[in-house]
Amino acid sequence: MRREKKEILILGGAGVLGSLLAHRLSEFHKITVVDIVRPYEAWRLHENRKNSIINIHDNVYKITLTNGKKVDYIWSYAENVSINYDIIIDAAIGNADRPMGLYSSKEVAMANLSVPLSIYKKYKDPTKYNREKGGIIIYPSSFNSMYGHSEIKKDKLPDPSSLYGWTKAAAELLYRSLAREKNAKIVITRVGSAFGPRGRSDELPHRLIIDMLNNKDTIHIMSPYSKRLWTYAEDIAEFYEKLIDNLEVKEGEIKVYHVAGNKHPGAITNMELLYTIAEIVGWNGAIDERPYEPGEIVNNRPIDFEYETDITPKYTLMEGLEKTVEWFKQHKQYYAMG
């Protein structure tokens, strides 16, 4: 199959997944990214701006806005998104309190559903919104946060264990409705817990790396014995590159992929993750086990699960973490590390 150059819109282009995809996909495709970010995380956009192939539309988020205006700002951002592209990757706002700093239930729902609702409306009325292309929508949904049961399979309905998981499930179902109602071409990619270079400082592996490199005496660990299926970012990016190069979706078709896993050891507890990073960094401080976060306890037990996946990871967890630690050592300026 001959490789075809595509016009691709990446929503959430300053996020970990969005910025990595923008960087990798721009080597062949024409990329536009849109995002609203905290000022101290805008460096991901600035890095990609150096590549002239990438068109950047960014609004640097103002922390001083009140909570009510935050929601309005998110909705305005979503409403101004154009959908006239070959492919739209909706990687926007992976969680309402990260990176946006929103906390109420209403704000969580608005933050995670504004973009899907806006795209839904524009697909329903293509003439009004000047939609010439029947673009494919790729939605990087969530993985274990959408399920309250122990077995994660593509044919199982979501059973979320938290408000965040509910919003991701709701967005996924909204895109499914768009396929049935308007024959949209939908690809759902349920992405595992990602880590790697350029990672957000509030994601657990990156926070642990930063704290250990700063030689912090005591490290706090939430949900210590809940499990996560950590997936190295390069494995995820390689999957998306191959997917986009070979993507064929019929009108009204919905395709689902599970993009999660590592070569070894699979899902591990947060404590096991901490010990692995401590071994790499050489950290030997004290550990303070904290309470479980919302959705991390199901049926009175920490989250555990079995899963199926559509990727063949190249990297073990240890290999990915070693590369990530080395990257953080070389880029301390982005994270205010000494």
C-alpha atoms as a PDB file:
ATOM      1  CA  MET A   1       0.000   0.000   0.000  1.00  0.00           C
ATOM      2  CA  ARG A   2       1.373   3.410  -1.003  1.00  0.00           C
ATOM      3  CA  ARG A   3       1.801   5.763   1.921  1.00  0.00           C
ATOM      4  CA  GLU A   4      -0.602   8.709   1.639  1.00  0.00           C
ATOM      5  CA  LYS A   5       0.097  12.117   3.149  1.00  0.00           C
ATOM      6  CA  LYS A   6      -2.777  13.230   5.378  1.00  0.00           C
ATOM      7  CA  GLU A   7      -3.906  16.442   7.044  1.00  0.00           C
ATOM      8  CA  ILE A   8      -4.193  15.611  10.737  1.00  0.00           C
ATOM      9  CA  LEU A   9      -5.595  17.697  13.596  1.00  0.00           C
ATOM     10  CA  ILE A  10      -4.339  16.787  17.073  1.00  0.00           C
ATOM     11  CA  LEU A  11      -6.434  18.175  19.923  1.00  0.00           C
ATOM     12  CA  GLY A  12      -4.430  18.254  23.133  1.00  0.00           C
ATOM     13  CA  GLY A  13      -1.197  18.825  21.256  1.00  0.00           C
ATOM     14  CA  ALA A  14       0.681  19.963  24.368  1.00  0.00           C
ATOM     15  CA  GLY A  15      -0.086  16.774  26.269  1.00  0.00           C
ATOM     16  CA  VAL A  16       2.251  13.821  26.519  1.00  0.00           C
ATOM     17  CA  LEU A  17       0.504  11.757  23.848  1.00  0.00           C
ATOM     18  CA  GLY A  18      -0.478  14.696  21.645  1.00  0.00           C
ATOM     19  CA  SER A  19       2.969  16.307  21.579  1.00  0.00           C
ATOM     20  CA  LEU A  20       4.691  12.979  20.887  1.00  0.00           C
ATOM     21  CA  LEU A  21       2.295  12.149  18.042  1.00  0.00           C
ATOM     22  CA  ALA A  22       2.710  15.643  16.576  1.00  0.00           C
ATOM     23  CA  HIS A  23       6.471  15.219  16.583  1.00  0.00           C
ATOM     24  CA  ARG A  24       6.462  11.711  15.112  1.00  0.00           C
ATOM     25  CA  LEU A  25       3.661  12.099  12.562  1.00  0.00           C
ATOM     26  CA  SER A  26       4.976  15.429  11.220  1.00  0.00           C
ATOM     27  CA  GLU A  27       7.872  13.587   9.598  1.00  0.00           C
ATOM     28  CA  PHE A  28       5.458  12.689   6.796  1.00  0.00           C
ATOM     29  CA  HIS A  29       1.984  14.134   7.397  1.00  0.00           C
ATOM     30  CA  LYS A  30       0.743  17.730   7.681  1.00  0.00           C
ATOM     31  CA  ILE A  31      -0.035  18.330  11.355  1.00  0.00           C
ATOM     32  CA  THR A  32      -2.065  20.989  13.153  1.00  0.00           C
ATOM     33  CA  VAL A  33      -2.207  21.005  16.948  1.00  0.00           C
ATOM     34  CA  VAL A  34      -4.554  22.855  19.277  1.00  0.00           C
ATOM     35  CA  ASP A  35      -4.361  23.057  23.065  1.00  0.00           C
ATOM     36  CA  ILE A  36      -4.760  25.177  26.171  1.00  0.00           C
ATOM     37  CA  VAL A  37      -2.009  24.594  28.680  1.00  0.00           C
ATOM     38  CA  ARG A  38      -0.514  25.778  31.917  1.00  0.00           C
ATOM     39  CA  PRO A  39       2.223  28.316  31.110  1.00  0.00           C
ATOM     40  CA  TYR A  40       4.977  26.194  32.657  1.00  0.00           C
ATOM     41  CA  GLU A  41       4.024  23.243  30.432  1.00  0.00           C
ATOM     42  CA  ALA A  42       3.873  25.225  27.183  1.00  0.00           C
ATOM     43  CA  TRP A  43       7.401  24.057  26.326  1.00  0.00           C
ATOM     44  CA  ARG A  44       5.925  21.003  24.606  1.00  0.00           C
ATOM     45  CA  LEU A  45       4.198  23.303  22.120  1.00  0.00           C
ATOM     46  CA  HIS A  46       7.305  25.421  21.720  1.00  0.00           C
ATOM     47  CA  GLU A  47       9.405  22.341  20.956  1.00  0.00           C
ATOM     48  CA  ASN A  48       7.035  21.317  18.182  1.00  0.00           C
ATOM     49  CA  ARG A  49       6.847  24.883  16.865  1.00  0.00           C
ATOM     50  CA  LYS A  50      10.486  24.510  15.823  1.00  0.00           C
ATOM     51  CA  ASN A  51       9.248  22.058  13.207  1.00  0.00           C
ATOM     52  CA  SER A  52       7.863  24.171  10.364  1.00  0.00           C
ATOM     53  CA  ILE A  53       5.592  21.316   9.236  1.00  0.00           C
ATOM     54  CA  ILE A  54       3.517  21.637  12.395  1.00  0.00           C
ATOM     55  CA  ASN A  55       0.907  24.408  12.566  1.00  0.00           C
ATOM     56  CA  ILE A  56       0.364  25.532  16.160  1.00  0.00           C
ATOM     57  CA  HIS A  57      -2.839  27.113  17.475  1.00  0.00           C
ATOM     58  CA  ASP A  58      -2.343  27.561  21.198  1.00  0.00           C
ATOM     59  CA  ASN A  59      -4.021  29.582  23.909  1.00  0.00           C
ATOM     60  CA  VAL A  60      -1.864  29.620  27.022  1.00  0.00           C
ATOM     61  CA  TYR A  61      -4.140  28.933  29.928  1.00  0.00           C
ATOM     62  CA  LYS A  62      -4.464  31.646  32.564  1.00  0.00           C
ATOM     63  CA  ILE A  63      -4.307  30.184  36.068  1.00  0.00           C
ATOM     64  CA  THR A  64      -5.925  33.315  37.538  1.00  0.00           C
ATOM     65  CA  LEU A  65      -9.345  32.575  36.005  1.00  0.00           C
ATOM     66  CA  THR A  66     -12.120  31.718  38.432  1.00  0.00           C
ATOM     67  CA  ASN A  67     -13.581  28.227  38.424  1.00  0.00           C
ATOM     68  CA  GLY A  68     -16.718  29.273  36.531  1.00  0.00           C
ATOM     69  CA  LYS A  69     -14.692  30.978  33.825  1.00  0.00           C
ATOM     70  CA  LYS A  70     -12.469  27.946  33.486  1.00  0.00           C
ATOM     71  CA  VAL A  71     -15.380  25.893  32.234  1.00  0.00           C
ATOM     72  CA  ASP A  72     -16.451  28.678  29.859  1.00  0.00           C
ATOM     73  CA  TYR A  73     -12.899  28.876  28.538  1.00  0.00           C
ATOM     74  CA  ILE A  74     -12.784  25.143  27.880  1.00  0.00           C
ATOM     75  CA  TRP A  75     -16.111  25.283  26.051  1.00  0.00           C
ATOM     76  CA  SER A  76     -14.942  28.258  23.971  1.00  0.00           C
ATOM     77  CA  TYR A  77     -11.783  26.337  23.070  1.00  0.00           C
ATOM     78  CA  ALA A  78     -13.858  23.356  21.973  1.00  0.00           C
ATOM     79  CA  GLU A  79     -16.305  25.474  19.971  1.00  0.00           C
ATOM     80  CA  ASN A  80     -13.495  27.061  17.946  1.00  0.00           C
ATOM     81  CA  VAL A  81     -12.094  23.731  16.771  1.00  0.00           C
ATOM     82  CA  SER A  82     -12.302  23.150  13.012  1.00  0.00           C
ATOM     83  CA  ILE A  83     -13.041  19.604  11.858  1.00  0.00           C
ATOM     84  CA  ASN A  84     -12.098  19.894   8.189  1.00  0.00           C
ATOM     85  CA  TYR A  85      -9.243  17.347   8.284  1.00  0.00           C
ATOM     86  CA  ASP A  86      -8.538  13.849   7.021  1.00  0.00           C
ATOM     87  CA  ILE A  87      -8.020  12.647  10.591  1.00  0.00           C
ATOM     88  CA  ILE A  88      -8.903  14.196  13.945  1.00  0.00           C
ATOM     89  CA  ILE A  89      -7.149  12.822  17.022  1.00  0.00           C
ATOM     90  CA  ASP A  90      -9.065  13.911  20.115  1.00  0.00           C
ATOM     91  CA  ALA A  91      -6.387  13.644  22.798  1.00  0.00           C
ATOM     92  CA  ALA A  92      -7.642  16.747  24.611  1.00  0.00           C
ATOM     93  CA  ILE A  93      -7.903  17.102  28.380  1.00  0.00           C
ATOM     94  CA  GLY A  94      -7.141  13.653  29.692  1.00  0.00           C
ATOM     95  CA  ASN A  95      -8.285  14.569  33.182  1.00  0.00           C
ATOM     96  CA  ALA A  96     -10.068  17.590  34.584  1.00  0.00           C
ATOM     97  CA  ASP A  97      -7.713  18.264  37.463  1.00  0.00           C
ATOM     98  CA  ARG A  98      -4.641  17.454  35.356  1.00  0.00           C
ATOM     99  CA  PRO A  99      -3.636  19.720  33.674  1.00  0.00           C
ATOM    100  CA  MET A 100      -6.523  22.167  34.143  1.00  0.00           C
ATOM    101  CA  GLY A 101      -6.770  22.387  37.936  1.00  0.00           C
ATOM    102  CA  LEU A 102     -10.531  21.743  38.033  1.00  0.00           C
ATOM    103  CA  TYR A 103     -12.139  19.835  40.855  1.00  0.00           C
ATOM    104  CA  SER A 104     -15.959  19.937  40.997  1.00  0.00           C
ATOM    105  CA  SER A 105     -18.051  17.196  39.379  1.00  0.00           C
ATOM    106  CA  LYS A 106     -19.498  19.663  36.896  1.00  0.00           C
ATOM    107  CA  GLU A 107     -16.078  20.880  35.869  1.00  0.00           C
ATOM    108  CA  VAL A 108     -14.740  17.349  35.462  1.00  0.00           C
ATOM    109  CA  ALA A 109     -17.647  16.480  33.170  1.00  0.00           C
ATOM    110  CA  MET A 110     -17.400  19.715  31.163  1.00  0.00           C
ATOM    111  CA  ALA A 111     -13.630  19.470  30.768  1.00  0.00           C
ATOM    112  CA  ASN A 112     -13.697  15.919  29.454  1.00  0.00           C
ATOM    113  CA  LEU A 113     -16.859  16.141  27.335  1.00  0.00           C
ATOM    114  CA  SER A 114     -16.686  19.628  25.770  1.00  0.00           C
ATOM    115  CA  VAL A 115     -14.563  18.594  22.794  1.00  0.00           C
ATOM    116  CA  PRO A 116     -16.547  15.422  21.903  1.00  0.00           C
ATOM    117  CA  LEU A 117     -19.818  17.372  22.189  1.00  0.00           C
ATOM    118  CA  SER A 118     -18.483  20.135  19.921  1.00  0.00           C
ATOM    119  CA  ILE A 119     -17.259  17.653  17.301  1.00  0.00           C
ATOM    120  CA  TYR A 120     -20.585  15.802  17.522  1.00  0.00           C
ATOM    121  CA  LYS A 121     -22.496  19.005  16.797  1.00  0.00           C
ATOM    122  CA  LYS A 122     -20.313  19.936  13.837  1.00  0.00           C
ATOM    123  CA  TYR A 123     -20.576  16.507  12.245  1.00  0.00           C
ATOM    124  CA  LYS A 124     -24.353  16.683  12.501  1.00  0.00           C
ATOM    125  CA  ASP A 125     -24.453  19.891  10.421  1.00  0.00           C
ATOM    126  CA  PRO A 126     -21.559  19.724   7.894  1.00  0.00           C
ATOM    127  CA  THR A 127     -22.864  22.611   5.740  1.00  0.00           C
ATOM    128  CA  LYS A 128     -22.995  25.082   8.628  1.00  0.00           C
ATOM    129  CA  TYR A 129     -19.491  24.197   9.792  1.00  0.00           C
ATOM    130  CA  ASN A 130     -17.884  23.928   6.341  1.00  0.00           C
ATOM    131  CA  ARG A 131     -16.980  20.260   6.681  1.00  0.00           C
ATOM    132  CA  GLU A 132     -15.798  19.099   3.273  1.00  0.00           C
ATOM    133  CA  LYS A 133     -13.839  16.036   4.337  1.00  0.00           C
ATOM    134  CA  GLY A 134     -15.331  12.927   5.869  1.00  0.00           C
ATOM    135  CA  GLY A 135     -12.556  12.823   8.401  1.00  0.00           C
ATOM    136  CA  ILE A 136     -11.801   9.820  10.580  1.00  0.00           C
ATOM    137  CA  ILE A 137     -12.075  10.524  14.310  1.00  0.00           C
ATOM    138  CA  ILE A 138      -9.535   8.758  16.524  1.00  0.00           C
ATOM    139  CA  TYR A 139     -10.420   8.934  20.214  1.00  0.00           C
ATOM    140  CA  PRO A 140      -7.674   7.875  22.658  1.00  0.00           C
ATOM    141  CA  SER A 141      -9.972   6.683  25.407  1.00  0.00           C
ATOM    142  CA  SER A 142      -8.965   5.285  28.776  1.00  0.00           C
ATOM    143  CA  PHE A 143      -8.122   1.748  29.786  1.00  0.00           C
ATOM    144  CA  ASN A 144      -8.562   0.512  33.343  1.00  0.00           C
ATOM    145  CA  SER A 145     -10.327   3.674  34.631  1.00  0.00           C
ATOM    146  CA  MET A 146     -13.363   2.790  32.500  1.00  0.00           C
ATOM    147  CA  TYR A 147     -13.816  -0.644  34.042  1.00  0.00           C
ATOM    148  CA  GLY A 148     -14.912  -1.737  37.473  1.00  0.00           C
ATOM    149  CA  HIS A 149     -14.536  -5.423  36.660  1.00  0.00           C
ATOM    150  CA  SER A 150     -11.335  -7.448  36.558  1.00  0.00           C
ATOM    151  CA  GLU A 151     -11.347  -8.454  32.878  1.00  0.00           C
ATOM    152  CA  ILE A 152     -10.732  -5.822  30.194  1.00  0.00           C
ATOM    153  CA  LYS A 153     -11.859  -6.944  26.747  1.00  0.00           C
ATOM    154  CA  LYS A 154     -12.910  -5.005  23.672  1.00  0.00           C
ATOM    155  CA  ASP A 155     -16.381  -6.548  23.605  1.00  0.00           C
ATOM    156  CA  LYS A 156     -17.181  -5.640  27.219  1.00  0.00           C
ATOM    157  CA  LEU A 157     -19.210  -2.553  28.006  1.00  0.00           C
ATOM    158  CA  PRO A 158     -17.559   0.132  30.163  1.00  0.00           C
ATOM    159  CA  ASP A 159     -18.179  -0.172  33.887  1.00  0.00           C
ATOM    160  CA  PRO A 160     -16.387   2.901  35.264  1.00  0.00           C
ATOM    161  CA  SER A 161     -15.138   3.034  38.819  1.00  0.00           C
ATOM    162  CA  SER A 162     -14.762   6.837  39.061  1.00  0.00           C
ATOM    163  CA  LEU A 163     -16.194  10.099  37.723  1.00  0.00           C
ATOM    164  CA  TYR A 164     -13.190  10.455  35.444  1.00  0.00           C
ATOM    165  CA  GLY A 165     -13.766   6.960  34.075  1.00  0.00           C
ATOM    166  CA  TRP A 166     -17.435   7.813  33.507  1.00  0.00           C
ATOM    167  CA  THR A 167     -16.544  10.894  31.449  1.00  0.00           C
ATOM    168  CA  LYS A 168     -14.167   8.879  29.250  1.00  0.00           C
ATOM    169  CA  ALA A 169     -16.823   6.193  28.780  1.00  0.00           C
ATOM    170  CA  ALA A 170     -19.437   8.851  27.981  1.00  0.00           C
ATOM    171  CA  ALA A 171     -17.183  10.430  25.347  1.00  0.00           C
ATOM    172  CA  GLU A 172     -16.526   7.031  23.783  1.00  0.00           C
ATOM    173  CA  LEU A 173     -20.248   6.267  23.629  1.00  0.00           C
ATOM    174  CA  LEU A 174     -20.938   9.705  22.127  1.00  0.00           C
ATOM    175  CA  TYR A 175     -18.527   8.997  19.273  1.00  0.00           C
ATOM    176  CA  ARG A 176     -20.174   5.614  18.796  1.00  0.00           C
ATOM    177  CA  SER A 177     -23.531   7.387  18.525  1.00  0.00           C
ATOM    178  CA  LEU A 178     -22.059   9.689  15.887  1.00  0.00           C
ATOM    179  CA  ALA A 179     -21.092   6.674  13.779  1.00  0.00           C
ATOM    180  CA  ARG A 180     -24.614   5.249  13.953  1.00  0.00           C
ATOM    181  CA  GLU A 181     -26.421   8.561  13.489  1.00  0.00           C
ATOM    182  CA  LYS A 182     -24.249  10.284  10.876  1.00  0.00           C
ATOM    183  CA  ASN A 183     -22.117   7.446   9.473  1.00  0.00           C
ATOM    184  CA  ALA A 184     -18.980   8.967  10.967  1.00  0.00           C
ATOM    185  CA  LYS A 185     -15.784   6.921  10.798  1.00  0.00           C
ATOM    186  CA  ILE A 186     -14.731   6.229  14.383  1.00  0.00           C
ATOM    187  CA  VAL A 187     -11.614   4.629  15.833  1.00  0.00           C
ATOM    188  CA  ILE A 188     -11.487   4.067  19.608  1.00  0.00           C
ATOM    189  CA  THR A 189      -8.010   3.494  21.029  1.00  0.00           C
ATOM    190  CA  ARG A 190      -8.091   2.611  24.713  1.00  0.00           C
ATOM    191  CA  VAL A 191      -4.667   3.690  25.889  1.00  0.00           C
ATOM    192  CA  GLY A 192      -2.913   2.254  28.922  1.00  0.00           C
ATOM    193  CA  SER A 193      -1.133   4.347  31.537  1.00  0.00           C
ATOM    194  CA  ALA A 194       1.552   6.049  29.466  1.00  0.00           C
ATOM    195  CA  PHE A 195       4.992   7.160  30.629  1.00  0.00           C
ATOM    196  CA  GLY A 196       8.164   8.373  28.990  1.00  0.00           C
ATOM    197  CA  PRO A 197      10.146  11.460  27.950  1.00  0.00           C
ATOM    198  CA  ARG A 198       8.239  14.766  27.953  1.00  0.00           C
ATOM    199  CA  GLY A 199       5.869  13.365  30.589  1.00  0.00           C
ATOM    200  CA  ARG A 200       3.699  15.508  32.846  1.00  0.00           C
ATOM    201  CA  SER A 201       5.137  16.100  36.284  1.00  0.00           C
ATOM    202  CA  ASP A 202       1.909  15.045  38.020  1.00  0.00           C
ATOM    203  CA  GLU A 203       1.800  11.566  36.450  1.00  0.00           C
ATOM    204  CA  LEU A 204       3.001   9.003  38.981  1.00  0.00           C
ATOM    205  CA  PRO A 205       6.170   7.653  37.260  1.00  0.00           C
ATOM    206  CA  HIS A 206       7.380  11.149  36.396  1.00  0.00           C
ATOM    207  CA  ARG A 207       6.600  12.550  39.851  1.00  0.00           C
ATOM    208  CA  LEU A 208       8.531   9.688  41.438  1.00  0.00           C
ATOM    209  CA  ILE A 209      11.485  10.247  39.091  1.00  0.00           C
ATOM    210  CA  ILE A 210      11.558  13.990  39.844  1.00  0.00           C
ATOM    211  CA  ASP A 211      11.310  13.476  43.616  1.00  0.00           C
ATOM    212  CA  MET A 212      14.046  10.842  43.608  1.00  0.00           C
ATOM    213  CA  LEU A 213      16.380  12.855  41.377  1.00  0.00           C
ATOM    214  CA  ASN A 214      15.843  15.735  43.813  1.00  0.00           C
ATOM    215  CA  ASN A 215      16.844  13.288  46.590  1.00  0.00           C
ATOM    216  CA  LYS A 216      13.645  13.847  48.534  1.00  0.00           C
ATOM    217  CA  ASP A 217      13.816  12.308  52.023  1.00  0.00           C
ATOM    218  CA  THR A 218      10.230  10.970  52.029  1.00  0.00           C
ATOM    219  CA  ILE A 219       7.993  10.118  49.072  1.00  0.00           C
ATOM    220  CA  HIS A 220       4.211   9.896  49.381  1.00  0.00           C
ATOM    221  CA  ILE A 221       2.454   7.170  47.399  1.00  0.00           C
ATOM    222  CA  MET A 222      -1.318   7.197  46.846  1.00  0.00           C
ATOM    223  CA  SER A 223      -3.244   3.964  46.141  1.00  0.00           C
ATOM    224  CA  PRO A 224      -0.135   1.916  46.985  1.00  0.00           C
ATOM    225  CA  TYR A 225      -1.410  -1.536  45.976  1.00  0.00           C
ATOM    226  CA  SER A 226      -3.658  -0.676  43.031  1.00  0.00           C
ATOM    227  CA  LYS A 227      -2.347  -1.970  39.732  1.00  0.00           C
ATOM    228  CA  ARG A 228      -1.579  -0.087  36.526  1.00  0.00           C
ATOM    229  CA  LEU A 229      -0.569  -1.329  33.104  1.00  0.00           C
ATOM    230  CA  TRP A 230       2.269   1.074  32.337  1.00  0.00           C
ATOM    231  CA  THR A 231       3.068   1.517  28.645  1.00  0.00           C
ATOM    232  CA  TYR A 232       6.182   3.213  27.295  1.00  0.00           C
ATOM    233  CA  ALA A 233       5.318   6.186  25.088  1.00  0.00           C
ATOM    234  CA  GLU A 234       7.450   5.023  22.153  1.00  0.00           C
ATOM    235  CA  ASP A 235       5.471   1.776  21.945  1.00  0.00           C
ATOM    236  CA  ILE A 236       2.248   3.803  21.858  1.00  0.00           C
ATOM    237  CA  ALA A 237       3.571   6.212  19.214  1.00  0.00           C
ATOM    238  CA  GLU A 238       4.726   3.358  16.985  1.00  0.00           C
ATOM    239  CA  PHE A 239       1.263   1.805  17.162  1.00  0.00           C
ATOM    240  CA  TYR A 240      -0.369   5.087  16.083  1.00  0.00           C
ATOM    241  CA  GLU A 241       2.079   5.588  13.220  1.00  0.00           C
ATOM    242  CA  LYS A 242       1.300   2.154  11.799  1.00  0.00           C
ATOM    243  CA  LEU A 243      -2.416   2.605  12.440  1.00  0.00           C
ATOM    244  CA  ILE A 244      -2.605   5.908  10.548  1.00  0.00           C
ATOM    245  CA  ASP A 245      -0.495   4.681   7.633  1.00  0.00           C
ATOM    246  CA  ASN A 246      -2.779   1.681   7.114  1.00  0.00           C
ATOM    247  CA  LEU A 247      -6.088   3.063   8.348  1.00  0.00           C
ATOM    248  CA  GLU A 248      -9.192   2.141   6.394  1.00  0.00           C
ATOM    249  CA  VAL A 249     -12.549   2.849   8.019  1.00  0.00           C
ATOM    250  CA  LYS A 250     -15.902   2.619   6.261  1.00  0.00           C
ATOM    251  CA  GLU A 251     -18.722   5.096   6.837  1.00  0.00           C
ATOM    252  CA  GLY A 252     -20.546   4.222  10.037  1.00  0.00           C
ATOM    253  CA  GLU A 253     -17.828   1.805  11.111  1.00  0.00           C
ATOM    254  CA  ILE A 254     -16.426   1.707  14.652  1.00  0.00           C
ATOM    255  CA  LYS A 255     -13.029   0.147  15.255  1.00  0.00           C
ATOM    256  CA  VAL A 256     -11.666  -0.510  18.751  1.00  0.00           C
ATOM    257  CA  TYR A 257      -8.039  -1.106  19.718  1.00  0.00           C
ATOM    258  CA  HIS A 258      -6.410  -1.683  23.092  1.00  0.00           C
ATOM    259  CA  VAL A 259      -3.085   0.153  23.186  1.00  0.00           C
ATOM    260  CA  ALA A 260      -1.563  -0.933  26.460  1.00  0.00           C
ATOM    261  CA  GLY A 261       1.165  -3.144  27.837  1.00  0.00           C
ATOM    262  CA  ASN A 262       4.871  -3.689  28.295  1.00  0.00           C
ATOM    263  CA  LYS A 263       7.110  -6.597  27.343  1.00  0.00           C
ATOM    264  CA  HIS A 264       7.584  -7.489  31.020  1.00  0.00           C
ATOM    265  CA  PRO A 265       6.190  -7.725  33.737  1.00  0.00           C
ATOM    266  CA  GLY A 266       2.705  -6.485  32.715  1.00  0.00           C
ATOM    267  CA  ALA A 267       0.466  -4.790  35.299  1.00  0.00           C
ATOM    268  CA  ILE A 268       2.159  -3.875  38.590  1.00  0.00           C
ATOM    269  CA  THR A 269       1.185  -2.104  41.804  1.00  0.00           C
ATOM    270  CA  ASN A 270       2.142   1.496  42.466  1.00  0.00           C
ATOM    271  CA  MET A 271       4.520   0.281  45.184  1.00  0.00           C
ATOM    272  CA  GLU A 272       6.262  -2.033  42.709  1.00  0.00           C
ATOM    273  CA  LEU A 273       6.616   0.926  40.332  1.00  0.00           C
ATOM    274  CA  LEU A 274       8.178   2.989  43.118  1.00  0.00           C
ATOM    275  CA  TYR A 275      10.696   0.250  43.976  1.00  0.00           C
ATOM    276  CA  THR A 276      11.653  -0.175  40.300  1.00  0.00           C
ATOM    277  CA  ILE A 277      12.346   3.536  39.837  1.00  0.00           C
ATOM    278  CA  ALA A 278      14.224   3.678  43.158  1.00  0.00           C
ATOM    279  CA  GLU A 279      16.485   0.884  41.914  1.00  0.00           C
ATOM    280  CA  ILE A 280      17.255   2.784  38.690  1.00  0.00           C
ATOM    281  CA  VAL A 281      17.864   6.149  40.381  1.00  0.00           C
ATOM    282  CA  GLY A 282      19.598   4.745  43.473  1.00  0.00           C
ATOM    283  CA  TRP A 283      17.142   6.344  45.895  1.00  0.00           C
ATOM    284  CA  ASN A 284      16.841   4.953  49.433  1.00  0.00           C
ATOM    285  CA  GLY A 285      14.500   7.294  51.315  1.00  0.00           C
ATOM    286  CA  ALA A 286      11.352   6.751  53.359  1.00  0.00           C
ATOM    287  CA  ILE A 287       7.957   5.820  51.865  1.00  0.00           C
ATOM    288  CA  ASP A 288       4.683   7.244  53.168  1.00  0.00           C
ATOM    289  CA  GLU A 289       1.689   5.135  52.058  1.00  0.00           C
ATOM    290  CA  ARG A 290      -1.346   7.377  51.551  1.00  0.00           C
ATOM    291  CA  PRO A 291      -5.091   6.589  51.069  1.00  0.00           C
ATOM    292  CA  TYR A 292      -6.608   5.255  47.857  1.00  0.00           C
ATOM    293  CA  GLU A 293      -7.800   7.725  45.226  1.00  0.00           C
ATOM    294  CA  PRO A 294     -11.382   7.712  43.845  1.00  0.00           C
ATOM    295  CA  GLY A 295     -12.007   4.651  41.692  1.00  0.00           C
ATOM    296  CA  GLU A 296      -8.937   2.771  42.946  1.00  0.00           C
ATOM    297  CA  ILE A 297     -10.959   0.538  45.280  1.00  0.00           C
ATOM    298  CA  VAL A 298     -13.493  -1.807  43.619  1.00  0.00           C
ATOM    299  CA  ASN A 299     -15.531  -4.257  45.706  1.00  0.00           C
ATOM    300  CA  ASN A 300     -13.435  -3.283  48.737  1.00  0.00           C
ATOM    301  CA  ARG A 301     -10.191  -4.311  47.021  1.00  0.00           C
ATOM    302  CA  PRO A 302      -7.445  -2.357  45.212  1.00  0.00           C
ATOM    303  CA  ILE A 303      -7.842  -2.430  41.425  1.00  0.00           C
ATOM    304  CA  ASP A 304      -6.484  -5.534  39.702  1.00  0.00           C
ATOM    305  CA  PHE A 305      -7.328  -6.799  36.226  1.00  0.00           C
ATOM    306  CA  GLU A 306      -6.660  -9.076  33.294  1.00  0.00           C
ATOM    307  CA  TYR A 307      -6.539  -7.582  29.825  1.00  0.00           C
ATOM    308  CA  GLU A 308      -6.178  -8.066  26.098  1.00  0.00           C
ATOM    309  CA  THR A 309      -4.107  -5.747  23.930  1.00  0.00           C
ATOM    310  CA  ASP A 310      -3.435  -5.001  20.262  1.00  0.00           C
ATOM    311  CA  ILE A 311       0.193  -3.965  20.559  1.00  0.00           C
ATOM    312  CA  THR A 312       3.365  -6.009  20.761  1.00  0.00           C
ATOM    313  CA  PRO A 313       5.559  -3.885  23.046  1.00  0.00           C
ATOM    314  CA  LYS A 314       9.261  -3.648  22.284  1.00  0.00           C
ATOM    315  CA  TYR A 315      10.173  -2.350  25.728  1.00  0.00           C
ATOM    316  CA  THR A 316      10.066  -3.941  29.150  1.00  0.00           C
ATOM    317  CA  LEU A 317       8.951  -1.676  31.969  1.00  0.00           C
ATOM    318  CA  MET A 318      12.532  -1.480  33.237  1.00  0.00           C
ATOM    319  CA  GLU A 319      13.903  -0.508  29.808  1.00  0.00           C
ATOM    320  CA  GLY A 320      11.283   2.210  29.355  1.00  0.00           C
ATOM    321  CA  LEU A 321      11.860   3.593  32.832  1.00  0.00           C
ATOM    322  CA  GLU A 322      15.651   3.641  32.337  1.00  0.00           C
ATOM    323  CA  LYS A 323      15.231   5.695  29.162  1.00  0.00           C
ATOM    324  CA  THR A 324      12.742   7.982  30.900  1.00  0.00           C
ATOM    325  CA  VAL A 325      15.002   8.590  33.896  1.00  0.00           C
ATOM    326  CA  GLU A 326      17.901   9.434  31.588  1.00  0.00           C
ATOM    327  CA  TRP A 327      15.720  11.893  29.644  1.00  0.00           C
ATOM    328  CA  PHE A 328      14.615  13.624  32.870  1.00  0.00           C
ATOM    329  CA  LYS A 329      18.236  13.942  33.943  1.00  0.00           C
ATOM    330  CA  GLN A 330      19.023  15.728  30.672  1.00  0.00           C
ATOM    331  CA  HIS A 331      15.965  18.045  30.826  1.00  0.00           C
ATOM    332  CA  LYS A 332      15.829  19.212  34.424  1.00  0.00           C
ATOM    333  CA  GLN A 333      15.110  22.769  33.310  1.00  0.00           C
ATOM    334  CA  TYR A 334      11.580  21.804  32.281  1.00  0.00           C
ATOM    335  CA  TYR A 335      10.704  20.590  35.772  1.00  0.00           C
ATOM    336  CA  ALA A 336      12.475  23.061  38.056  1.00  0.00           C
ATOM    337  CA  MET A 337      14.934  20.425  39.239  1.00  0.00           C
ATOM    338  CA  GLY A 338      18.216  21.447  40.742  1.00  0.00           C
END
